[in-house]
Protein backbone atom coordinates (compact mmCIF):
# COMPACT_ATOMS: atom_id res chain seq x y z
CA MET A 1 -4.90 11.01 -3.41
CA PRO A 2 -3.76 9.46 -0.11
CA HIS A 3 -5.08 6.00 0.70
CA PRO A 4 -5.04 3.96 3.90
CA TYR A 5 -2.38 1.31 4.39
CA VAL A 6 -4.13 -1.78 3.02
CA LEU A 7 -3.39 -5.06 4.76
CA LEU A 8 -4.80 -8.27 3.24
CA SER A 9 -5.38 -11.03 5.81
CA ALA A 10 -6.27 -14.63 4.97
CA ALA A 11 -5.75 -18.26 5.95
CA VAL A 12 -5.52 -20.98 3.31
CA SER A 13 -5.07 -24.73 3.07
CA LEU A 14 -1.87 -26.19 1.66
CA ASP A 15 -3.56 -26.38 -1.73
CA GLY A 16 -4.66 -22.73 -1.63
CA TYR A 17 -8.32 -22.90 -0.58
CA LEU A 18 -10.11 -20.48 1.73
CA ASP A 19 -12.87 -22.92 2.65
CA ASP A 20 -14.49 -26.17 1.64
CA THR A 21 -18.02 -26.62 0.31
CA GLY A 22 -19.56 -27.92 3.55
CA PRO A 23 -22.37 -26.13 5.39
CA GLU A 24 -20.06 -24.96 8.20
CA ARG A 25 -17.09 -22.66 7.79
CA LEU A 26 -13.79 -24.55 7.62
CA LEU A 27 -11.57 -23.36 10.49
CA LEU A 28 -8.08 -23.04 9.06
CA SER A 29 -6.38 -21.01 11.79
CA SER A 30 -5.26 -22.29 15.17
CA PRO A 31 -6.59 -20.82 18.44
CA ALA A 32 -3.39 -18.84 18.90
CA ASP A 33 -3.67 -17.46 15.39
CA PHE A 34 -7.28 -16.40 15.95
CA ASP A 35 -5.95 -14.40 18.90
CA ARG A 36 -3.28 -12.87 16.64
CA VAL A 37 -5.99 -11.83 14.18
CA ASP A 38 -7.87 -10.26 17.07
CA GLU A 39 -4.73 -8.29 17.92
CA VAL A 40 -4.39 -7.07 14.33
CA ARG A 41 -8.07 -6.06 14.29
CA ALA A 42 -7.51 -4.03 17.43
CA SER A 43 -4.60 -2.20 15.75
CA VAL A 44 -6.46 -0.97 12.65
CA ASP A 45 -8.98 1.76 11.97
CA ALA A 46 -11.29 -0.31 9.78
CA ILE A 47 -11.98 -3.92 8.72
CA LEU A 48 -13.36 -4.69 5.26
CA VAL A 49 -15.06 -7.78 3.83
CA GLY A 50 -16.95 -8.30 0.61
CA ALA A 51 -20.66 -8.97 0.35
CA GLY A 52 -19.93 -12.61 -0.55
CA THR A 53 -18.19 -13.13 2.78
CA ILE A 54 -21.18 -11.70 4.64
CA ARG A 55 -23.51 -14.06 2.77
CA ALA A 56 -21.29 -17.14 3.17
CA ASP A 57 -19.89 -16.73 6.69
CA ASN A 58 -22.18 -14.22 8.43
CA PRO A 59 -19.17 -12.76 10.33
CA ARG A 60 -19.33 -10.33 13.25
CA LEU A 61 -15.80 -8.91 12.74
CA LEU A 62 -15.31 -7.87 16.35
CA VAL A 63 -12.34 -7.24 18.60
CA ASN A 64 -13.06 -10.02 21.07
CA SER A 65 -10.52 -9.17 23.77
CA PRO A 66 -11.96 -6.80 26.43
CA GLN A 67 -8.42 -5.67 27.22
CA ARG A 68 -7.76 -4.67 23.62
CA ARG A 69 -11.06 -2.84 23.38
CA ALA A 70 -10.24 -1.02 26.60
CA ALA A 71 -6.83 -0.05 25.23
CA ARG A 72 -8.47 1.40 22.12
CA ALA A 73 -10.89 3.41 24.25
CA ALA A 74 -8.06 4.64 26.49
CA ALA A 75 -6.26 5.89 23.39
CA GLY A 76 -9.32 7.88 22.35
CA ARG A 77 -10.33 5.47 19.59
CA PRO A 78 -13.70 3.73 19.10
CA GLU A 79 -13.96 0.44 20.97
CA TYR A 80 -14.39 -1.37 17.65
CA PRO A 81 -12.87 -0.53 14.25
CA LEU A 82 -15.17 0.75 11.54
CA LYS A 83 -16.72 -2.18 9.65
CA VAL A 84 -16.75 -1.82 5.87
CA THR A 85 -18.33 -3.91 3.14
CA VAL A 86 -18.53 -3.63 -0.64
CA SER A 87 -21.42 -4.75 -2.84
CA GLY A 88 -22.18 -3.93 -6.45
CA THR A 89 -25.86 -4.79 -6.05
CA GLY A 90 -26.58 -3.61 -2.49
CA ASP A 91 -28.57 -6.83 -2.06
CA LEU A 92 -27.62 -7.90 1.47
CA ASP A 93 -29.51 -9.52 4.31
CA PRO A 94 -30.58 -6.80 6.78
CA ASP A 95 -30.49 -9.40 9.58
CA ALA A 96 -26.83 -10.38 9.05
CA ASN A 97 -24.54 -10.19 12.08
CA PHE A 98 -22.39 -7.59 10.32
CA TRP A 99 -25.01 -4.86 10.80
CA HIS A 100 -25.94 -5.62 14.41
CA THR A 101 -22.63 -6.10 16.21
CA GLY A 102 -19.67 -3.83 16.91
CA GLY A 103 -19.54 -0.13 16.18
CA GLU A 104 -20.05 1.95 13.04
CA LYS A 105 -20.59 0.37 9.61
CA VAL A 106 -20.36 1.60 6.04
CA LEU A 107 -21.43 0.04 2.74
CA TYR A 108 -19.76 1.10 -0.52
CA THR A 109 -21.84 0.30 -3.56
CA THR A 110 -23.02 1.55 -6.95
CA ASP A 111 -25.72 4.15 -7.45
CA GLU A 112 -28.23 1.38 -8.22
CA GLY A 113 -26.98 -0.67 -5.27
CA ALA A 114 -27.45 2.31 -2.96
CA ARG A 115 -31.12 2.54 -3.89
CA ARG A 116 -31.62 -1.15 -3.18
CA ALA A 117 -29.67 -1.04 0.12
CA ARG A 118 -31.68 1.92 1.40
CA ALA A 119 -34.93 0.19 0.45
CA LEU A 120 -33.83 -2.84 2.48
CA GLY A 121 -33.23 -0.62 5.52
CA LEU A 122 -29.65 -1.80 6.14
CA ALA A 123 -28.28 -0.46 9.42
CA THR A 124 -25.34 1.33 7.85
CA ASP A 125 -24.05 4.43 6.14
CA VAL A 126 -24.48 3.82 2.39
CA VAL A 127 -21.91 5.45 0.08
CA PRO A 128 -22.59 5.24 -3.69
CA LEU A 129 -19.50 5.28 -5.92
CA GLY A 130 -21.18 5.81 -9.28
CA ALA A 131 -22.17 3.38 -12.00
CA SER A 132 -19.48 0.88 -10.98
CA LEU A 133 -17.27 0.15 -7.99
CA ASP A 134 -14.03 2.14 -7.98
CA TRP A 135 -11.44 0.94 -5.46
CA ARG A 136 -9.30 4.07 -5.63
CA ARG A 137 -12.32 6.27 -4.98
CA LEU A 138 -13.39 3.98 -2.14
CA LEU A 139 -9.97 4.09 -0.48
CA THR A 140 -9.72 7.86 -0.87
CA HIS A 141 -13.15 8.26 0.77
CA LEU A 142 -12.11 6.02 3.66
CA HIS A 143 -8.94 8.06 4.14
CA ASP A 144 -10.29 11.58 3.69
CA VAL A 145 -13.84 11.31 5.03
CA ARG A 146 -13.61 8.46 7.54
CA GLY A 147 -10.07 9.11 8.74
CA VAL A 148 -8.95 5.52 8.11
CA ARG A 149 -5.17 5.17 8.08
CA ARG A 150 -4.89 1.37 8.40
CA LEU A 151 -7.39 -0.93 6.70
CA MET A 152 -7.53 -4.68 7.31
CA VAL A 153 -9.16 -6.68 4.50
CA GLU A 154 -10.44 -10.11 5.51
CA GLY A 155 -11.87 -11.32 2.22
CA GLY A 156 -13.09 -12.87 0.26
CA GLY A 157 -10.95 -14.07 -2.59
CA LEU A 158 -12.49 -11.74 -5.18
CA ILE A 159 -11.76 -8.68 -3.02
CA HIS A 160 -8.17 -9.80 -2.42
CA THR A 161 -7.69 -10.46 -6.13
CA GLN A 162 -9.04 -7.04 -7.13
CA LEU A 163 -6.86 -5.15 -4.66
CA LEU A 164 -3.73 -7.05 -5.68
CA THR A 165 -4.28 -6.82 -9.43
CA GLN A 166 -4.94 -3.09 -9.07
CA GLU A 167 -1.73 -2.85 -6.99
CA LEU A 168 -3.50 -1.27 -4.02
CA ALA A 169 -2.47 -3.78 -1.32
CA ASP A 170 0.45 -2.72 0.88
CA GLU A 171 0.87 -6.00 2.71
CA ILE A 172 -0.34 -9.60 2.67
CA GLN A 173 -0.59 -11.56 5.91
CA LEU A 174 -1.07 -15.18 4.83
CA VAL A 175 -1.54 -18.10 7.19
CA LEU A 176 -0.84 -21.57 5.80
CA ALA A 177 -2.84 -24.39 7.47
CA PRO A 178 -1.64 -28.03 7.44
CA LEU A 179 -4.55 -29.58 5.56
CA PHE A 180 -5.88 -30.08 2.04
CA VAL A 181 -9.30 -29.31 0.58
CA GLY A 182 -8.99 -30.67 -2.93
CA ASP A 183 -12.48 -29.67 -4.06
CA PRO A 184 -12.41 -27.62 -7.30
CA ALA A 185 -15.79 -26.13 -6.35
CA ALA A 186 -14.38 -24.64 -3.12
CA PRO A 187 -13.30 -20.96 -2.99
CA ARG A 188 -9.66 -20.12 -3.56
CA LEU A 189 -7.79 -17.13 -2.18
CA PHE A 190 -6.67 -15.65 -5.50
CA GLY A 191 -8.29 -15.86 -8.90
CA PRO A 192 -6.92 -15.20 -12.38
CA GLY A 193 -5.90 -11.66 -13.21
CA GLY A 194 -3.16 -9.28 -14.25
CA TYR A 195 -0.97 -9.37 -11.16
CA PRO A 196 2.11 -7.15 -10.72
CA PRO A 197 5.31 -8.66 -12.14
CA GLY A 198 8.17 -10.08 -10.15
CA ARG A 199 8.50 -11.51 -6.68
CA LEU A 200 7.02 -10.10 -3.50
CA ARG A 201 9.32 -9.31 -0.58
CA LEU A 202 9.09 -11.61 2.44
CA LEU A 203 8.92 -9.45 5.56
CA ASP A 204 8.45 -12.07 8.24
CA THR A 205 7.58 -15.69 8.97
CA ARG A 206 6.26 -17.05 12.24
CA ARG A 207 5.18 -20.46 13.47
CA ILE A 208 1.92 -20.25 15.44
CA GLU A 209 1.06 -23.67 16.84
CA ASP A 210 0.55 -25.81 13.71
CA VAL A 211 0.14 -22.97 11.18
CA VAL A 212 2.69 -20.62 9.63
CA LEU A 213 2.20 -16.87 9.21
CA MET A 214 3.96 -15.24 6.24
CA ARG A 215 4.02 -11.49 5.65
CA TYR A 216 4.75 -10.13 2.19
CA GLU A 217 4.82 -6.73 0.51
CA PRO A 218 4.69 -5.96 -3.23
CA THR A 219 7.81 -4.64 -4.94
CA ALA A 220 6.90 -3.84 -8.58
CA PRO A 221 6.71 -0.08 -9.31
CA GLY A 222 3.75 1.48 -11.02
CA THR A 223 3.81 2.17 -14.74
CA GLY A 224 2.05 5.51 -15.04
CA PRO A 225 0.86 8.61 -13.19
CA LEU A 226 -1.21 6.72 -10.60
CA PRO A 227 0.86 5.48 -7.64
CA VAL A 228 0.71 1.87 -6.53
CA ALA A 229 1.43 0.43 -3.10
CA ALA A 230 5.03 -0.47 -3.97
CA ASP A 231 5.74 3.15 -4.95
CA HIS A 232 5.11 4.13 -1.34
CA HIS A 233 7.43 1.41 -0.01
CA TRP A 234 10.30 2.42 -2.29
CA LEU A 235 9.87 6.14 -1.68
CA ALA A 236 9.91 5.50 2.07
CA ALA A 237 13.22 3.66 1.55
CA ALA A 238 14.61 6.71 -0.28
CA CYS A 239 13.56 8.93 2.63
CA GLU A 240 15.36 6.57 5.02
CA LEU A 241 18.52 6.89 2.94
CA ALA A 242 18.31 10.70 3.21
CA GLU A 243 18.77 10.33 6.94
CA LEU A 244 22.19 8.72 6.34
CA CYS A 245 23.63 11.81 4.64
CA PRO A 246 26.47 13.64 6.37
CA PRO A 247 24.97 16.97 7.49
CA SER A 248 25.58 20.03 5.36
CA GLY A 249 24.72 23.69 5.57
CA THR A 250 24.96 24.19 1.82
CA ALA A 251 23.23 21.17 0.27
CA PHE A 252 20.15 19.04 0.80
CA SER A 253 20.19 15.54 2.24
CA VAL A 254 18.55 13.25 -0.30
CA GLY A 255 18.14 9.50 -0.80
CA ALA A 256 17.47 7.67 -4.06
CA VAL A 257 16.66 4.12 -5.15
CA VAL A 258 16.55 2.74 -8.69
CA VAL A 259 14.06 -0.13 -9.12
CA ALA A 260 13.45 -2.33 -12.17
CA ALA A 261 9.95 -2.97 -13.52
CA ASP A 262 9.79 -6.38 -11.82
CA GLY A 263 10.57 -4.88 -8.40
CA THR A 264 14.29 -5.73 -8.35
CA GLU A 265 16.35 -3.06 -6.63
CA LEU A 266 19.12 -2.04 -9.02
CA ALA A 267 20.98 0.56 -6.95
CA ARG A 268 20.65 3.09 -4.17
CA GLY A 269 22.56 6.14 -3.09
CA HIS A 270 22.47 9.25 -0.93
CA SER A 271 23.90 12.73 -0.91
CA ARG A 272 27.62 13.04 -0.04
CA GLU A 273 27.96 9.25 -0.13
CA GLY A 274 31.47 7.81 0.14
CA GLY A 275 32.97 11.04 1.37
CA ASP A 276 32.29 12.95 -1.86
CA PRO A 277 31.08 16.35 -0.60
CA VAL A 278 29.16 17.23 -3.77
CA VAL A 279 27.72 13.94 -5.06
CA HIS A 280 23.92 13.85 -5.30
CA ALA A 281 21.75 10.87 -4.38
CA GLU A 282 20.50 10.04 -7.89
CA GLU A 283 24.01 10.51 -9.27
CA ALA A 284 25.47 8.14 -6.65
CA ALA A 285 22.87 5.48 -7.38
CA LEU A 286 23.13 5.65 -11.19
CA ALA A 287 26.94 5.55 -11.05
CA LYS A 288 26.70 2.02 -9.63
CA LEU A 289 24.91 0.73 -12.75
CA ASP A 290 26.08 -0.30 -16.19
CA PRO A 291 24.70 2.39 -18.55
CA ALA A 292 23.88 -0.43 -20.99
CA ASP A 293 21.70 -2.30 -18.48
CA PRO A 294 18.47 -2.94 -20.43
CA ARG A 295 16.42 -2.81 -17.24
CA LEU A 296 16.94 0.95 -16.96
CA ALA A 297 14.41 1.63 -19.72
CA GLY A 298 11.60 0.22 -17.59
CA ALA A 299 12.96 1.34 -14.22
CA THR A 300 11.68 3.91 -11.76
CA VAL A 301 13.92 6.29 -9.82
CA TYR A 302 12.66 7.10 -6.33
CA SER A 303 14.13 10.28 -4.87
CA SER A 304 13.18 11.92 -1.60
CA LEU A 305 13.67 15.34 -3.24
CA GLU A 306 12.86 16.35 -6.80
CA PRO A 307 15.96 15.68 -8.98
CA CYS A 308 17.90 18.86 -9.61
CA ALA A 309 17.59 20.79 -12.87
CA ARG A 310 20.72 22.92 -12.44
CA ARG A 311 23.89 22.56 -10.39
CA ALA A 312 27.32 24.19 -10.16
CA SER A 313 29.30 21.24 -8.80
CA ARG A 314 28.94 18.87 -11.78
CA PRO A 315 28.45 19.29 -15.55
CA ALA A 316 25.07 17.48 -15.63
CA PRO A 317 22.17 17.87 -13.18
CA CYS A 318 20.43 14.78 -11.87
CA ALA A 319 17.36 15.24 -14.06
CA ARG A 320 19.62 15.03 -17.11
CA LEU A 321 21.51 12.01 -15.70
CA ILE A 322 18.20 10.18 -15.24
CA LEU A 323 17.09 10.91 -18.80
CA ASP A 324 20.49 9.95 -20.23
CA ALA A 325 20.25 6.63 -18.36
CA GLY A 326 17.02 5.88 -20.21
CA VAL A 327 14.77 6.00 -17.13
CA ARG A 328 11.32 7.38 -17.90
CA ARG A 329 9.54 7.32 -14.53
CA VAL A 330 10.48 9.23 -11.37
CA VAL A 331 8.68 9.23 -8.02
CA THR A 332 9.50 11.94 -5.49
CA ALA A 333 8.19 13.23 -2.19
CA TRP A 334 9.09 16.90 -2.29
CA ARG A 335 9.51 19.58 -4.96
CA GLU A 336 12.83 21.39 -4.63
CA PRO A 337 12.46 24.72 -2.81
CA ASP A 338 14.30 27.88 -3.89
CA THR A 339 16.81 27.57 -1.03
CA PHE A 340 19.85 27.19 -3.30
CA VAL A 341 18.48 27.44 -6.85
CA ALA A 342 15.78 29.94 -7.78
CA GLY A 343 13.00 28.49 -9.90
CA ALA A 344 14.25 24.93 -9.62
CA ASP A 345 12.15 22.68 -11.84
CA GLY A 346 13.67 19.23 -12.22
CA SER A 347 10.19 17.84 -12.87
CA GLY A 348 9.87 20.16 -15.87
CA VAL A 349 13.19 18.97 -17.30
CA LEU A 350 12.17 15.35 -16.82
CA ALA A 351 8.74 15.88 -18.37
CA ALA A 352 10.25 17.68 -21.36
CA GLY A 353 12.51 14.65 -21.83
CA GLY A 354 9.57 12.25 -21.89
CA ALA A 355 9.68 11.06 -18.29
CA GLN A 356 6.65 10.61 -16.05
CA VAL A 357 7.00 12.40 -12.69
CA VAL A 358 4.83 11.27 -9.76
CA VAL A 359 4.82 13.35 -6.55
CA LEU A 360 3.62 11.68 -3.34
CA PRO A 361 3.23 14.58 -0.89
CA GLU A 362 2.27 12.30 1.99
CA HIS A 363 6.01 11.50 2.26
CA GLU A 364 7.08 15.15 2.19
CA GLU A 365 7.54 15.60 5.94
CA ARG A 366 9.76 12.52 6.11
CA ALA A 367 11.85 13.88 3.23
CA LYS A 368 12.15 17.28 4.89
CA ALA A 369 13.18 15.89 8.29
CA PRO A 370 16.98 15.76 7.69
CA ASN A 371 16.80 19.19 6.02
CA ARG A 372 14.96 21.17 8.71
CA HIS A 373 18.02 23.38 9.29
CA LEU A 374 17.87 24.47 5.65
CA VAL A 375 14.15 25.08 5.20
CA THR A 376 12.03 27.55 7.14
């Protein structure tokens, strides 16, 4: 199911702490960075913090700039983003600032936590998620019921760790402050867990007074039928490649990227690449790789259009080329229509060959864009 774009935001000391153990919150950001955070808050649909952050910091989570609030209102949006918190127990202080400032609020909790929260009279919409907290269900509810498309997560460390280890975070915005905490009892940003393999991609760095902002995105593909954040990034890249195809009235414009299990890009290609009028995207990408490359067995092929099951221009269709390469996971945006091949079913060929096919329909319109002249 579609989820919001999940942006993790945090500031840490040079030794990786979110705070110290003193009675007052340790201010890690600079004044200019606090203003940047305010700008990011104004750009999103919702801001989320965990119950521990509410207890420890008593935050208000507001857009402080009147100009930014006015711009939101002028665009037809609420003056403040939706405020979201998560608690397994529902045991939260009804007098906390979170409930009495800003606009709408929502608490996601367990069935037992919902009973406790309602008994406390918390000024919020209470949404029970069952016997335990389920992040995928929470994000789907935010997207489908609350209309949240961009979600900013401001902590704490447990929340950030859960979203990263479950591969649900699309971006990390990390500010590094020039100081040390050094107290093993102080909270750290990330805890132990089964994190995705490989290196994250650095999107941007920026000096802001005496702190440094770093923006990262995950790169490691998923390993099963449930999509992870990196799957969306790579499929978007395949859709971008489709826009590079020379136009054709007799063939689709498709982009493809082959990505190793650790997030390393192995190859990419697009339809009619290099002046070949009949080459397909997956074929072009796989042709750039050594067939004996051991990374292919754990790789994922991202294709803007379902790999073909039959073709007249080459002996082997792309679904067969993918299976012969040893790839056993394919992510696509759009099932092939009957425009050129009746009953096309590349997904069926792949599945019969032992490959997992994941379709992300939220990318379908982007994949169709360079093919509008072919599809009614």
